[in-house]
Amino acid sequence: MTPLARMAGQKFINPFGACNFIVTWDGEDVRELLAAIQCARQSTDRFIQDKLIEYILNIPYRHPRPADIPAFVGKPVWAVDRQGRALIGMPGDESIVEAETLRVATSTSNGHANGTATDV
């Protein structure tokens, strides 16, 4: 059992509580969010499984990512927390990474990240 799965078992009494946490997540810590997702995923209840997919898909709408973090970096970016961590990956294969590693250079008005145009 992973440390997150152990944490999920301690924090959430049941999959319904875990789903409630996902829906009401405050953006503070993606580790808690992942623990809730893992706890809810353990349920065999079809309703929970269907709702879990919906809840995961709606996370970016409730807590938009910073503008300099793309929605997809080889994997979907589901959430970025206030601690500088991001929840990424396909449902069932999520992981947590430092958000800083996902940041992209902001383009300038001429379309080049460093502000200089190149001759072609």
PDB file of N, CA and C in Angstrom:
ATOM      1  N   MET A   1       0.850  -1.183   0.000  1.00  0.00           N
ATOM      2  CA  MET A   1       0.000   0.000   0.000  1.00  0.00           C
ATOM      3  C   MET A   1       0.897   1.247   0.000  1.00  0.00           C
ATOM      4  N   THR A   2       0.569   2.188  -0.869  1.00  0.00           N
ATOM      5  CA  THR A   2       1.372   3.399  -0.975  1.00  0.00           C
ATOM      6  C   THR A   2       1.106   4.306   0.223  1.00  0.00           C
ATOM      7  N   PRO A   3       2.045   5.216   0.528  1.00  0.00           N
ATOM      8  CA  PRO A   3       1.807   6.169   1.617  1.00  0.00           C
ATOM      9  C   PRO A   3       0.543   6.992   1.401  1.00  0.00           C
ATOM     10  N   LEU A   4       0.256   7.358   0.144  1.00  0.00           N
ATOM     11  CA  LEU A   4      -0.961   8.121  -0.117  1.00  0.00           C
ATOM     12  C   LEU A   4      -2.207   7.295   0.151  1.00  0.00           C
ATOM     13  N   ALA A   5      -2.159   6.020  -0.188  1.00  0.00           N
ATOM     14  CA  ALA A   5      -3.309   5.157   0.079  1.00  0.00           C
ATOM     15  C   ALA A   5      -3.525   5.011   1.591  1.00  0.00           C
ATOM     16  N   ARG A   6      -2.425   4.900   2.350  1.00  0.00           N
ATOM     17  CA  ARG A   6      -2.553   4.851   3.805  1.00  0.00           C
ATOM     18  C   ARG A   6      -3.149   6.152   4.325  1.00  0.00           C
ATOM     19  N   MET A   7      -2.674   7.294   3.791  1.00  0.00           N
ATOM     20  CA  MET A   7      -3.192   8.588   4.202  1.00  0.00           C
ATOM     21  C   MET A   7      -4.675   8.689   3.852  1.00  0.00           C
ATOM     22  N   ALA A   8      -5.067   8.176   2.689  1.00  0.00           N
ATOM     23  CA  ALA A   8      -6.464   8.230   2.270  1.00  0.00           C
ATOM     24  C   ALA A   8      -7.330   7.448   3.239  1.00  0.00           C
ATOM     25  N   GLY A   9      -6.873   6.284   3.633  1.00  0.00           N
ATOM     26  CA  GLY A   9      -7.639   5.467   4.561  1.00  0.00           C
ATOM     27  C   GLY A   9      -7.808   6.129   5.913  1.00  0.00           C
ATOM     28  N   GLN A  10      -6.838   6.912   6.334  1.00  0.00           N
ATOM     29  CA  GLN A  10      -6.904   7.591   7.614  1.00  0.00           C
ATOM     30  C   GLN A  10      -7.764   8.848   7.551  1.00  0.00           C
ATOM     31  N   LYS A  11      -7.729   9.557   6.446  1.00  0.00           N
ATOM     32  CA  LYS A  11      -8.416  10.841   6.336  1.00  0.00           C
ATOM     33  C   LYS A  11      -9.885  10.695   5.968  1.00  0.00           C
ATOM     34  N   PHE A  12     -10.208   9.745   5.106  1.00  0.00           N
ATOM     35  CA  PHE A  12     -11.565   9.618   4.591  1.00  0.00           C
ATOM     36  C   PHE A  12     -12.208   8.358   5.146  1.00  0.00           C
ATOM     37  N   ILE A  13     -13.366   8.528   5.730  1.00  0.00           N
ATOM     38  CA  ILE A  13     -14.061   7.406   6.354  1.00  0.00           C
ATOM     39  C   ILE A  13     -14.584   6.437   5.303  1.00  0.00           C
ATOM     40  N   ASN A  14     -15.039   6.988   4.161  1.00  0.00           N
ATOM     41  CA  ASN A  14     -15.583   6.148   3.104  1.00  0.00           C
ATOM     42  C   ASN A  14     -15.437   6.856   1.764  1.00  0.00           C
ATOM     43  N   PRO A  15     -15.706   6.156   0.669  1.00  0.00           N
ATOM     44  CA  PRO A  15     -15.577   6.775  -0.657  1.00  0.00           C
ATOM     45  C   PRO A  15     -16.490   7.986  -0.867  1.00  0.00           C
ATOM     46  N   PHE A  16     -17.656   7.997  -0.209  1.00  0.00           N
ATOM     47  CA  PHE A  16     -18.545   9.153  -0.339  1.00  0.00           C
ATOM     48  C   PHE A  16     -17.896  10.394   0.277  1.00  0.00           C
ATOM     49  N   GLY A  17     -17.242  10.206   1.421  1.00  0.00           N
ATOM     50  CA  GLY A  17     -16.523  11.310   2.055  1.00  0.00           C
ATOM     51  C   GLY A  17     -15.368  11.784   1.191  1.00  0.00           C
ATOM     52  N   ALA A  18     -14.697  10.845   0.543  1.00  0.00           N
ATOM     53  CA  ALA A  18     -13.597  11.201  -0.344  1.00  0.00           C
ATOM     54  C   ALA A  18     -14.107  12.002  -1.535  1.00  0.00           C
ATOM     55  N   CYS A  19     -15.239  11.583  -2.102  1.00  0.00           N
ATOM     56  CA  CYS A  19     -15.827  12.332  -3.223  1.00  0.00           C
ATOM     57  C   CYS A  19     -16.234  13.732  -2.782  1.00  0.00           C
ATOM     58  N   ASN A  20     -16.796  13.833  -1.602  1.00  0.00           N
ATOM     59  CA  ASN A  20     -17.170  15.144  -1.083  1.00  0.00           C
ATOM     60  C   ASN A  20     -15.930  16.032  -0.954  1.00  0.00           C
ATOM     61  N   PHE A  21     -14.838  15.464  -0.502  1.00  0.00           N
ATOM     62  CA  PHE A  21     -13.597  16.232  -0.388  1.00  0.00           C
ATOM     63  C   PHE A  21     -13.133  16.720  -1.757  1.00  0.00           C
ATOM     64  N   ILE A  22     -13.219  15.865  -2.770  1.00  0.00           N
ATOM     65  CA  ILE A  22     -12.795  16.241  -4.127  1.00  0.00           C
ATOM     66  C   ILE A  22     -13.618  17.426  -4.618  1.00  0.00           C
ATOM     67  N   VAL A  23     -14.930  17.373  -4.411  1.00  0.00           N
ATOM     68  CA  VAL A  23     -15.818  18.430  -4.878  1.00  0.00           C
ATOM     69  C   VAL A  23     -15.578  19.732  -4.116  1.00  0.00           C
ATOM     70  N   THR A  24     -15.229  19.646  -2.855  1.00  0.00           N
ATOM     71  CA  THR A  24     -15.060  20.853  -2.034  1.00  0.00           C
ATOM     72  C   THR A  24     -13.597  21.206  -1.797  1.00  0.00           C
ATOM     73  N   TRP A  25     -12.683  20.566  -2.520  1.00  0.00           N
ATOM     74  CA  TRP A  25     -11.245  20.812  -2.330  1.00  0.00           C
ATOM     75  C   TRP A  25     -10.955  22.304  -2.410  1.00  0.00           C
ATOM     76  N   ASP A  26     -10.137  22.785  -1.480  1.00  0.00           N
ATOM     77  CA  ASP A  26      -9.872  24.220  -1.353  1.00  0.00           C
ATOM     78  C   ASP A  26      -8.627  24.697  -2.096  1.00  0.00           C
ATOM     79  N   GLY A  27      -7.951  23.811  -2.808  1.00  0.00           N
ATOM     80  CA  GLY A  27      -6.772  24.216  -3.563  1.00  0.00           C
ATOM     81  C   GLY A  27      -5.494  24.241  -2.749  1.00  0.00           C
ATOM     82  N   GLU A  28      -5.551  23.766  -1.524  1.00  0.00           N
ATOM     83  CA  GLU A  28      -4.396  23.877  -0.630  1.00  0.00           C
ATOM     84  C   GLU A  28      -3.305  22.849  -0.902  1.00  0.00           C
ATOM     85  N   ASP A  29      -3.665  21.576  -1.037  1.00  0.00           N
ATOM     86  CA  ASP A  29      -2.644  20.525  -1.116  1.00  0.00           C
ATOM     87  C   ASP A  29      -3.106  19.405  -2.055  1.00  0.00           C
ATOM     88  N   VAL A  30      -2.407  19.250  -3.188  1.00  0.00           N
ATOM     89  CA  VAL A  30      -2.809  18.209  -4.145  1.00  0.00           C
ATOM     90  C   VAL A  30      -2.560  16.803  -3.605  1.00  0.00           C
ATOM     91  N   ARG A  31      -1.708  16.672  -2.605  1.00  0.00           N
ATOM     92  CA  ARG A  31      -1.499  15.340  -2.018  1.00  0.00           C
ATOM     93  C   ARG A  31      -2.783  14.851  -1.374  1.00  0.00           C
ATOM     94  N   GLU A  32      -3.510  15.734  -0.705  1.00  0.00           N
ATOM     95  CA  GLU A  32      -4.801  15.361  -0.118  1.00  0.00           C
ATOM     96  C   GLU A  32      -5.811  15.045  -1.215  1.00  0.00           C
ATOM     97  N   LEU A  33      -5.776  15.827  -2.271  1.00  0.00           N
ATOM     98  CA  LEU A  33      -6.686  15.585  -3.388  1.00  0.00           C
ATOM     99  C   LEU A  33      -6.432  14.214  -4.008  1.00  0.00           C
ATOM    100  N   LEU A  34      -5.180  13.875  -4.232  1.00  0.00           N
ATOM    101  CA  LEU A  34      -4.847  12.564  -4.785  1.00  0.00           C
ATOM    102  C   LEU A  34      -5.251  11.450  -3.821  1.00  0.00           C
ATOM    103  N   ALA A  35      -5.056  11.657  -2.539  1.00  0.00           N
ATOM    104  CA  ALA A  35      -5.464  10.647  -1.552  1.00  0.00           C
ATOM    105  C   ALA A  35      -6.973  10.420  -1.616  1.00  0.00           C
ATOM    106  N   ALA A  36      -7.733  11.487  -1.784  1.00  0.00           N
ATOM    107  CA  ALA A  36      -9.191  11.354  -1.888  1.00  0.00           C
ATOM    108  C   ALA A  36      -9.574  10.605  -3.152  1.00  0.00           C
ATOM    109  N   ILE A  37      -8.921  10.923  -4.258  1.00  0.00           N
ATOM    110  CA  ILE A  37      -9.197  10.230  -5.526  1.00  0.00           C
ATOM    111  C   ILE A  37      -8.900   8.742  -5.383  1.00  0.00           C
ATOM    112  N   GLN A  38      -7.778   8.421  -4.770  1.00  0.00           N
ATOM    113  CA  GLN A  38      -7.409   7.009  -4.598  1.00  0.00           C
ATOM    114  C   GLN A  38      -8.387   6.288  -3.684  1.00  0.00           C
ATOM    115  N   CYS A  39      -8.837   6.958  -2.643  1.00  0.00           N
ATOM    116  CA  CYS A  39      -9.811   6.346  -1.735  1.00  0.00           C
ATOM    117  C   CYS A  39     -11.123   6.082  -2.466  1.00  0.00           C
ATOM    118  N   ALA A  40     -11.619   7.077  -3.198  1.00  0.00           N
ATOM    119  CA  ALA A  40     -12.887   6.910  -3.919  1.00  0.00           C
ATOM    120  C   ALA A  40     -12.771   5.834  -4.994  1.00  0.00           C
ATOM    121  N   ARG A  41     -11.612   5.742  -5.611  1.00  0.00           N
ATOM    122  CA  ARG A  41     -11.406   4.767  -6.685  1.00  0.00           C
ATOM    123  C   ARG A  41     -11.498   3.326  -6.158  1.00  0.00           C
ATOM    124  N   GLN A  42     -11.248   3.113  -4.883  1.00  0.00           N
ATOM    125  CA  GLN A  42     -11.304   1.763  -4.306  1.00  0.00           C
ATOM    126  C   GLN A  42     -12.724   1.243  -4.181  1.00  0.00           C
ATOM    127  N   SER A  43     -13.704   2.139  -4.297  1.00  0.00           N
ATOM    128  CA  SER A  43     -15.094   1.734  -4.167  1.00  0.00           C
ATOM    129  C   SER A  43     -15.520   0.887  -5.372  1.00  0.00           C
ATOM    130  N   THR A  44     -16.397  -0.068  -5.114  1.00  0.00           N
ATOM    131  CA  THR A  44     -16.955  -0.867  -6.200  1.00  0.00           C
ATOM    132  C   THR A  44     -18.318  -0.326  -6.632  1.00  0.00           C
ATOM    133  N   ASP A  45     -18.773   0.736  -5.984  1.00  0.00           N
ATOM    134  CA  ASP A  45     -20.058   1.347  -6.295  1.00  0.00           C
ATOM    135  C   ASP A  45     -19.987   2.047  -7.652  1.00  0.00           C
ATOM    136  N   ARG A  46     -20.828   1.653  -8.581  1.00  0.00           N
ATOM    137  CA  ARG A  46     -20.803   2.216  -9.937  1.00  0.00           C
ATOM    138  C   ARG A  46     -21.108   3.714  -9.941  1.00  0.00           C
ATOM    139  N   PHE A  47     -22.011   4.145  -9.056  1.00  0.00           N
ATOM    140  CA  PHE A  47     -22.338   5.572  -8.966  1.00  0.00           C
ATOM    141  C   PHE A  47     -21.095   6.377  -8.595  1.00  0.00           C
ATOM    142  N   ILE A  48     -20.352   5.913  -7.616  1.00  0.00           N
ATOM    143  CA  ILE A  48     -19.132   6.621  -7.210  1.00  0.00           C
ATOM    144  C   ILE A  48     -18.129   6.639  -8.348  1.00  0.00           C
ATOM    145  N   GLN A  49     -17.970   5.527  -9.033  1.00  0.00           N
ATOM    146  CA  GLN A  49     -17.012   5.477 -10.138  1.00  0.00           C
ATOM    147  C   GLN A  49     -17.386   6.460 -11.247  1.00  0.00           C
ATOM    148  N   ASP A  50     -18.660   6.542 -11.575  1.00  0.00           N
ATOM    149  CA  ASP A  50     -19.114   7.485 -12.602  1.00  0.00           C
ATOM    150  C   ASP A  50     -18.913   8.928 -12.151  1.00  0.00           C
ATOM    151  N   LYS A  51     -19.278   9.207 -10.920  1.00  0.00           N
ATOM    152  CA  LYS A  51     -19.146  10.572 -10.400  1.00  0.00           C
ATOM    153  C   LYS A  51     -17.683  10.955 -10.241  1.00  0.00           C
ATOM    154  N   LEU A  52     -16.834  10.016  -9.887  1.00  0.00           N
ATOM    155  CA  LEU A  52     -15.411  10.308  -9.707  1.00  0.00           C
ATOM    156  C   LEU A  52     -14.807  10.851 -10.995  1.00  0.00           C
ATOM    157  N   ILE A  53     -15.151  10.242 -12.110  1.00  0.00           N
ATOM    158  CA  ILE A  53     -14.649  10.731 -13.398  1.00  0.00           C
ATOM    159  C   ILE A  53     -15.104  12.169 -13.618  1.00  0.00           C
ATOM    160  N   GLU A  54     -16.365  12.427 -13.368  1.00  0.00           N
ATOM    161  CA  GLU A  54     -16.906  13.783 -13.517  1.00  0.00           C
ATOM    162  C   GLU A  54     -16.190  14.760 -12.584  1.00  0.00           C
ATOM    163  N   TYR A  55     -15.976  14.353 -11.343  1.00  0.00           N
ATOM    164  CA  TYR A  55     -15.328  15.239 -10.369  1.00  0.00           C
ATOM    165  C   TYR A  55     -13.898  15.573 -10.784  1.00  0.00           C
ATOM    166  N   ILE A  56     -13.170  14.571 -11.268  1.00  0.00           N
ATOM    167  CA  ILE A  56     -11.784  14.803 -11.703  1.00  0.00           C
ATOM    168  C   ILE A  56     -11.770  15.756 -12.900  1.00  0.00           C
ATOM    169  N   LEU A  57     -12.657  15.541 -13.847  1.00  0.00           N
ATOM    170  CA  LEU A  57     -12.704  16.399 -15.031  1.00  0.00           C
ATOM    171  C   LEU A  57     -13.057  17.844 -14.685  1.00  0.00           C
ATOM    172  N   ASN A  58     -13.775  18.053 -13.592  1.00  0.00           N
ATOM    173  CA  ASN A  58     -14.192  19.401 -13.209  1.00  0.00           C
ATOM    174  C   ASN A  58     -13.197  20.141 -12.323  1.00  0.00           C
ATOM    175  N   ILE A  59     -12.174  19.477 -11.838  1.00  0.00           N
ATOM    176  CA  ILE A  59     -11.201  20.140 -10.965  1.00  0.00           C
ATOM    177  C   ILE A  59     -10.601  21.386 -11.622  1.00  0.00           C
ATOM    178  N   PRO A  60     -10.152  21.316 -12.884  1.00  0.00           N
ATOM    179  CA  PRO A  60      -9.551  22.519 -13.487  1.00  0.00           C
ATOM    180  C   PRO A  60     -10.526  23.692 -13.626  1.00  0.00           C
ATOM    181  N   TYR A  61     -11.821  23.423 -13.675  1.00  0.00           N
ATOM    182  CA  TYR A  61     -12.801  24.505 -13.764  1.00  0.00           C
ATOM    183  C   TYR A  61     -13.015  25.185 -12.413  1.00  0.00           C
ATOM    184  N   ARG A  62     -12.974  24.402 -11.351  1.00  0.00           N
ATOM    185  CA  ARG A  62     -13.157  24.972 -10.011  1.00  0.00           C
ATOM    186  C   ARG A  62     -11.896  25.658  -9.514  1.00  0.00           C
ATOM    187  N   HIS A  63     -10.737  25.144  -9.921  1.00  0.00           N
ATOM    188  CA  HIS A  63      -9.442  25.699  -9.505  1.00  0.00           C
ATOM    189  C   HIS A  63      -8.544  25.819 -10.734  1.00  0.00           C
ATOM    190  N   PRO A  64      -8.702  26.894 -11.492  1.00  0.00           N
ATOM    191  CA  PRO A  64      -7.894  27.046 -12.716  1.00  0.00           C
ATOM    192  C   PRO A  64      -6.396  27.073 -12.421  1.00  0.00           C
ATOM    193  N   ARG A  65      -5.622  26.529 -13.349  1.00  0.00           N
ATOM    194  CA  ARG A  65      -4.167  26.540 -13.220  1.00  0.00           C
ATOM    195  C   ARG A  65      -3.648  27.946 -13.453  1.00  0.00           C
ATOM    196  N   PRO A  66      -2.448  28.235 -12.970  1.00  0.00           N
ATOM    197  CA  PRO A  66      -1.813  29.513 -13.321  1.00  0.00           C
ATOM    198  C   PRO A  66      -1.655  29.597 -14.843  1.00  0.00           C
ATOM    199  N   ALA A  67      -1.671  30.799 -15.371  1.00  0.00           N
ATOM    200  CA  ALA A  67      -1.631  31.012 -16.818  1.00  0.00           C
ATOM    201  C   ALA A  67      -0.377  30.441 -17.470  1.00  0.00           C
ATOM    202  N   ASP A  68       0.726  30.351 -16.730  1.00  0.00           N
ATOM    203  CA  ASP A  68       1.972  29.862 -17.332  1.00  0.00           C
ATOM    204  C   ASP A  68       2.165  28.355 -17.193  1.00  0.00           C
ATOM    205  N   ILE A  69       1.123  27.655 -16.771  1.00  0.00           N
ATOM    206  CA  ILE A  69       1.169  26.191 -16.709  1.00  0.00           C
ATOM    207  C   ILE A  69       0.147  25.654 -17.700  1.00  0.00           C
ATOM    208  N   PRO A  70       0.612  24.924 -18.726  1.00  0.00           N
ATOM    209  CA  PRO A  70      -0.312  24.429 -19.761  1.00  0.00           C
ATOM    210  C   PRO A  70      -1.239  23.345 -19.221  1.00  0.00           C
ATOM    211  N   ALA A  71      -2.323  23.122 -19.935  1.00  0.00           N
ATOM    212  CA  ALA A  71      -3.296  22.100 -19.554  1.00  0.00           C
ATOM    213  C   ALA A  71      -2.787  20.692 -19.804  1.00  0.00           C
ATOM    214  N   PHE A  72      -1.811  20.576 -20.693  1.00  0.00           N
ATOM    215  CA  PHE A  72      -1.304  19.257 -21.061  1.00  0.00           C
ATOM    216  C   PHE A  72       0.202  19.342 -21.228  1.00  0.00           C
ATOM    217  N   VAL A  73       0.924  18.470 -20.540  1.00  0.00           N
ATOM    218  CA  VAL A  73       2.390  18.428 -20.602  1.00  0.00           C
ATOM    219  C   VAL A  73       2.842  16.984 -20.848  1.00  0.00           C
ATOM    220  N   GLY A  74       2.251  16.371 -21.869  1.00  0.00           N
ATOM    221  CA  GLY A  74       2.463  14.944 -22.091  1.00  0.00           C
ATOM    222  C   GLY A  74       1.446  14.138 -21.301  1.00  0.00           C
ATOM    223  N   LYS A  75       0.879  14.768 -20.284  1.00  0.00           N
ATOM    224  CA  LYS A  75      -0.192  14.233 -19.441  1.00  0.00           C
ATOM    225  C   LYS A  75      -1.072  15.418 -19.070  1.00  0.00           C
ATOM    226  N   PRO A  76      -2.350  15.185 -18.784  1.00  0.00           N
ATOM    227  CA  PRO A  76      -3.196  16.305 -18.370  1.00  0.00           C
ATOM    228  C   PRO A  76      -2.755  16.859 -17.009  1.00  0.00           C
ATOM    229  N   VAL A  77      -2.862  18.159 -16.853  1.00  0.00           N
ATOM    230  CA  VAL A  77      -2.599  18.825 -15.571  1.00  0.00           C
ATOM    231  C   VAL A  77      -3.967  19.092 -14.947  1.00  0.00           C
ATOM    232  N   TRP A  78      -4.271  18.387 -13.847  1.00  0.00           N
ATOM    233  CA  TRP A  78      -5.598  18.485 -13.230  1.00  0.00           C
ATOM    234  C   TRP A  78      -5.682  19.614 -12.222  1.00  0.00           C
ATOM    235  N   ALA A  79      -4.625  19.810 -11.452  1.00  0.00           N
ATOM    236  CA  ALA A  79      -4.697  20.811 -10.390  1.00  0.00           C
ATOM    237  C   ALA A  79      -3.303  21.287 -10.021  1.00  0.00           C
ATOM    238  N   VAL A  80      -3.231  22.534  -9.602  1.00  0.00           N
ATOM    239  CA  VAL A  80      -2.009  23.109  -9.051  1.00  0.00           C
ATOM    240  C   VAL A  80      -2.394  23.697  -7.700  1.00  0.00           C
ATOM    241  N   ASP A  81      -1.662  23.312  -6.668  1.00  0.00           N
ATOM    242  CA  ASP A  81      -2.030  23.777  -5.328  1.00  0.00           C
ATOM    243  C   ASP A  81      -1.246  25.020  -4.914  1.00  0.00           C
ATOM    244  N   ARG A  82      -1.555  25.513  -3.741  1.00  0.00           N
ATOM    245  CA  ARG A  82      -0.907  26.723  -3.218  1.00  0.00           C
ATOM    246  C   ARG A  82       0.504  26.457  -2.713  1.00  0.00           C
ATOM    247  N   GLN A  83       0.894  25.198  -2.655  1.00  0.00           N
ATOM    248  CA  GLN A  83       2.220  24.819  -2.171  1.00  0.00           C
ATOM    249  C   GLN A  83       3.230  24.666  -3.313  1.00  0.00           C
ATOM    250  N   GLY A  84       2.766  24.823  -4.558  1.00  0.00           N
ATOM    251  CA  GLY A  84       3.664  24.699  -5.696  1.00  0.00           C
ATOM    252  C   GLY A  84       3.778  23.296  -6.251  1.00  0.00           C
ATOM    253  N   ARG A  85       2.766  22.469  -5.995  1.00  0.00           N
ATOM    254  CA  ARG A  85       2.741  21.112  -6.542  1.00  0.00           C
ATOM    255  C   ARG A  85       1.580  20.993  -7.518  1.00  0.00           C
ATOM    256  N   ALA A  86       1.712  20.062  -8.458  1.00  0.00           N
ATOM    257  CA  ALA A  86       0.666  19.841  -9.454  1.00  0.00           C
ATOM    258  C   ALA A  86       0.282  18.371  -9.503  1.00  0.00           C
ATOM    259  N   LEU A  87      -0.990  18.123  -9.713  1.00  0.00           N
ATOM    260  CA  LEU A  87      -1.518  16.771  -9.908  1.00  0.00           C
ATOM    261  C   LEU A  87      -1.673  16.584 -11.411  1.00  0.00           C
ATOM    262  N   ILE A  88      -0.940  15.611 -11.958  1.00  0.00           N
ATOM    263  CA  ILE A  88      -0.966  15.358 -13.403  1.00  0.00           C
ATOM    264  C   ILE A  88      -1.217  13.882 -13.662  1.00  0.00           C
ATOM    265  N   GLY A  89      -1.565  13.550 -14.893  1.00  0.00           N
ATOM    266  CA  GLY A  89      -1.679  12.156 -15.302  1.00  0.00           C
ATOM    267  C   GLY A  89      -3.078  11.745 -15.665  1.00  0.00           C
ATOM    268  N   MET A  90      -3.150  10.659 -16.381  1.00  0.00           N
ATOM    269  CA  MET A  90      -4.435  10.091 -16.755  1.00  0.00           C
ATOM    270  C   MET A  90      -5.099   9.485 -15.522  1.00  0.00           C
ATOM    271  N   PRO A  91      -6.442   9.525 -15.465  1.00  0.00           N
ATOM    272  CA  PRO A  91      -7.118   8.922 -14.324  1.00  0.00           C
ATOM    273  C   PRO A  91      -6.663   7.473 -14.107  1.00  0.00           C
ATOM    274  N   GLY A  92      -6.269   7.191 -12.900  1.00  0.00           N
ATOM    275  CA  GLY A  92      -5.741   5.882 -12.546  1.00  0.00           C
ATOM    276  C   GLY A  92      -4.231   5.829 -12.563  1.00  0.00           C
ATOM    277  N   ASP A  93      -3.609   6.842 -13.149  1.00  0.00           N
ATOM    278  CA  ASP A  93      -2.149   6.897 -13.234  1.00  0.00           C
ATOM    279  C   ASP A  93      -1.663   8.320 -12.900  1.00  0.00           C
ATOM    280  N   GLU A  94      -2.280   8.926 -11.886  1.00  0.00           N
ATOM    281  CA  GLU A  94      -1.928  10.284 -11.499  1.00  0.00           C
ATOM    282  C   GLU A  94      -0.619  10.306 -10.721  1.00  0.00           C
ATOM    283  N   SER A  95       0.040  11.445 -10.784  1.00  0.00           N
ATOM    284  CA  SER A  95       1.240  11.652  -9.972  1.00  0.00           C
ATOM    285  C   SER A  95       1.313  13.125  -9.596  1.00  0.00           C
ATOM    286  N   ILE A  96       2.174  13.405  -8.655  1.00  0.00           N
ATOM    287  CA  ILE A  96       2.367  14.772  -8.181  1.00  0.00           C
ATOM    288  C   ILE A  96       3.778  15.205  -8.554  1.00  0.00           C
ATOM    289  N   VAL A  97       3.871  16.392  -9.148  1.00  0.00           N
ATOM    290  CA  VAL A  97       5.163  16.949  -9.541  1.00  0.00           C
ATOM    291  C   VAL A  97       5.235  18.391  -9.057  1.00  0.00           C
ATOM    292  N   GLU A  98       6.439  18.930  -9.041  1.00  0.00           N
ATOM    293  CA  GLU A  98       6.609  20.339  -8.712  1.00  0.00           C
ATOM    294  C   GLU A  98       6.054  21.169  -9.865  1.00  0.00           C
ATOM    295  N   ALA A  99       5.196  22.118  -9.561  1.00  0.00           N
ATOM    296  CA  ALA A  99       4.568  22.940 -10.598  1.00  0.00           C
ATOM    297  C   ALA A  99       5.609  23.724 -11.386  1.00  0.00           C
ATOM    298  N   GLU A 100       6.689  24.086 -10.747  1.00  0.00           N
ATOM    299  CA  GLU A 100       7.732  24.865 -11.418  1.00  0.00           C
ATOM    300  C   GLU A 100       8.271  24.147 -12.653  1.00  0.00           C
ATOM    301  N   THR A 101       8.294  22.817 -12.618  1.00  0.00           N
ATOM    302  CA  THR A 101       8.812  22.051 -13.756  1.00  0.00           C
ATOM    303  C   THR A 101       7.873  22.094 -14.959  1.00  0.00           C
ATOM    304  N   LEU A 102       6.644  22.551 -14.752  1.00  0.00           N
ATOM    305  CA  LEU A 102       5.650  22.596 -15.822  1.00  0.00           C
ATOM    306  C   LEU A 102       5.521  23.970 -16.454  1.00  0.00           C
ATOM    307  N   ARG A 103       6.091  24.962 -15.830  1.00  0.00           N
ATOM    308  CA  ARG A 103       5.933  26.345 -16.299  1.00  0.00           C
ATOM    309  C   ARG A 103       6.558  26.527 -17.674  1.00  0.00           C
ATOM    310  N   VAL A 104       5.913  27.325 -18.495  1.00  0.00           N
ATOM    311  CA  VAL A 104       6.434  27.645 -19.815  1.00  0.00           C
ATOM    312  C   VAL A 104       6.816  29.112 -19.853  1.00  0.00           C
ATOM    313  N   ALA A 105       7.788  29.410 -20.686  1.00  0.00           N
ATOM    314  CA  ALA A 105       8.200  30.803 -20.833  1.00  0.00           C
ATOM    315  C   ALA A 105       7.050  31.596 -21.430  1.00  0.00           C
ATOM    316  N   THR A 106       6.834  32.773 -20.904  1.00  0.00           N
ATOM    317  CA  THR A 106       5.774  33.628 -21.400  1.00  0.00           C
ATOM    318  C   THR A 106       6.242  34.305 -22.683  1.00  0.00           C
ATOM    319  N   SER A 107       5.436  34.231 -23.716  1.00  0.00           N
ATOM    320  CA  SER A 107       5.789  34.857 -24.983  1.00  0.00           C
ATOM    321  C   SER A 107       5.670  36.364 -24.882  1.00  0.00           C
ATOM    322  N   THR A 108       6.506  37.067 -25.638  1.00  0.00           N
ATOM    323  CA  THR A 108       6.424  38.519 -25.701  1.00  0.00           C
ATOM    324  C   THR A 108       5.570  38.902 -26.897  1.00  0.00           C
ATOM    325  N   SER A 109       5.429  40.177 -27.128  1.00  0.00           N
ATOM    326  CA  SER A 109       4.547  40.646 -28.187  1.00  0.00           C
ATOM    327  C   SER A 109       4.991  40.195 -29.579  1.00  0.00           C
ATOM    328  N   ASN A 110       6.288  39.898 -29.764  1.00  0.00           N
ATOM    329  CA  ASN A 110       6.720  39.456 -31.090  1.00  0.00           C
ATOM    330  C   ASN A 110       6.641  37.944 -31.252  1.00  0.00           C
ATOM    331  N   GLY A 111       6.124  37.257 -30.239  1.00  0.00           N
ATOM    332  CA  GLY A 111       5.928  35.817 -30.348  1.00  0.00           C
ATOM    333  C   GLY A 111       7.111  34.977 -29.940  1.00  0.00           C
ATOM    334  N   HIS A 112       8.187  35.600 -29.470  1.00  0.00           N
ATOM    335  CA  HIS A 112       9.364  34.867 -29.042  1.00  0.00           C
ATOM    336  C   HIS A 112       9.519  34.984 -27.534  1.00  0.00           C
ATOM    337  N   ALA A 113       9.828  33.890 -26.898  1.00  0.00           N
ATOM    338  CA  ALA A 113       9.914  33.866 -25.444  1.00  0.00           C
ATOM    339  C   ALA A 113      10.997  34.803 -24.914  1.00  0.00           C
ATOM    340  N   ASN A 114      12.115  34.947 -25.628  1.00  0.00           N
ATOM    341  CA  ASN A 114      13.192  35.782 -25.108  1.00  0.00           C
ATOM    342  C   ASN A 114      13.134  37.211 -25.642  1.00  0.00           C
ATOM    343  N   GLY A 115      12.153  37.508 -26.449  1.00  0.00           N
ATOM    344  CA  GLY A 115      11.968  38.866 -26.917  1.00  0.00           C
ATOM    345  C   GLY A 115      12.781  39.249 -28.132  1.00  0.00           C
ATOM    346  N   THR A 116      13.498  38.309 -28.715  1.00  0.00           N
ATOM    347  CA  THR A 116      14.297  38.623 -29.906  1.00  0.00           C
ATOM    348  C   THR A 116      13.783  37.839 -31.083  1.00  0.00           C
ATOM    349  N   ALA A 117      13.696  38.505 -32.203  1.00  0.00           N
ATOM    350  CA  ALA A 117      13.286  37.831 -33.432  1.00  0.00           C
ATOM    351  C   ALA A 117      14.508  37.252 -34.107  1.00  0.00           C
ATOM    352  N   THR A 118      14.331  36.173 -34.801  1.00  0.00           N
ATOM    353  CA  THR A 118      15.442  35.562 -35.524  1.00  0.00           C
ATOM    354  C   THR A 118      15.275  35.802 -37.010  1.00  0.00           C
ATOM    355  N   ASP A 119      16.391  35.967 -37.695  1.00  0.00           N
ATOM    356  CA  ASP A 119      16.336  36.129 -39.141  1.00  0.00           C
ATOM    357  C   ASP A 119      16.169  34.775 -39.792  1.00  0.00           C
ATOM    358  N   VAL A 120      15.378  34.732 -40.808  1.00  0.00           N
ATOM    359  CA  VAL A 120      15.129  33.474 -41.509  1.00  0.00           C
ATOM    360  C   VAL A 120      15.855  33.485 -42.824  1.00  0.00           C
TER     361      VAL A 120
END
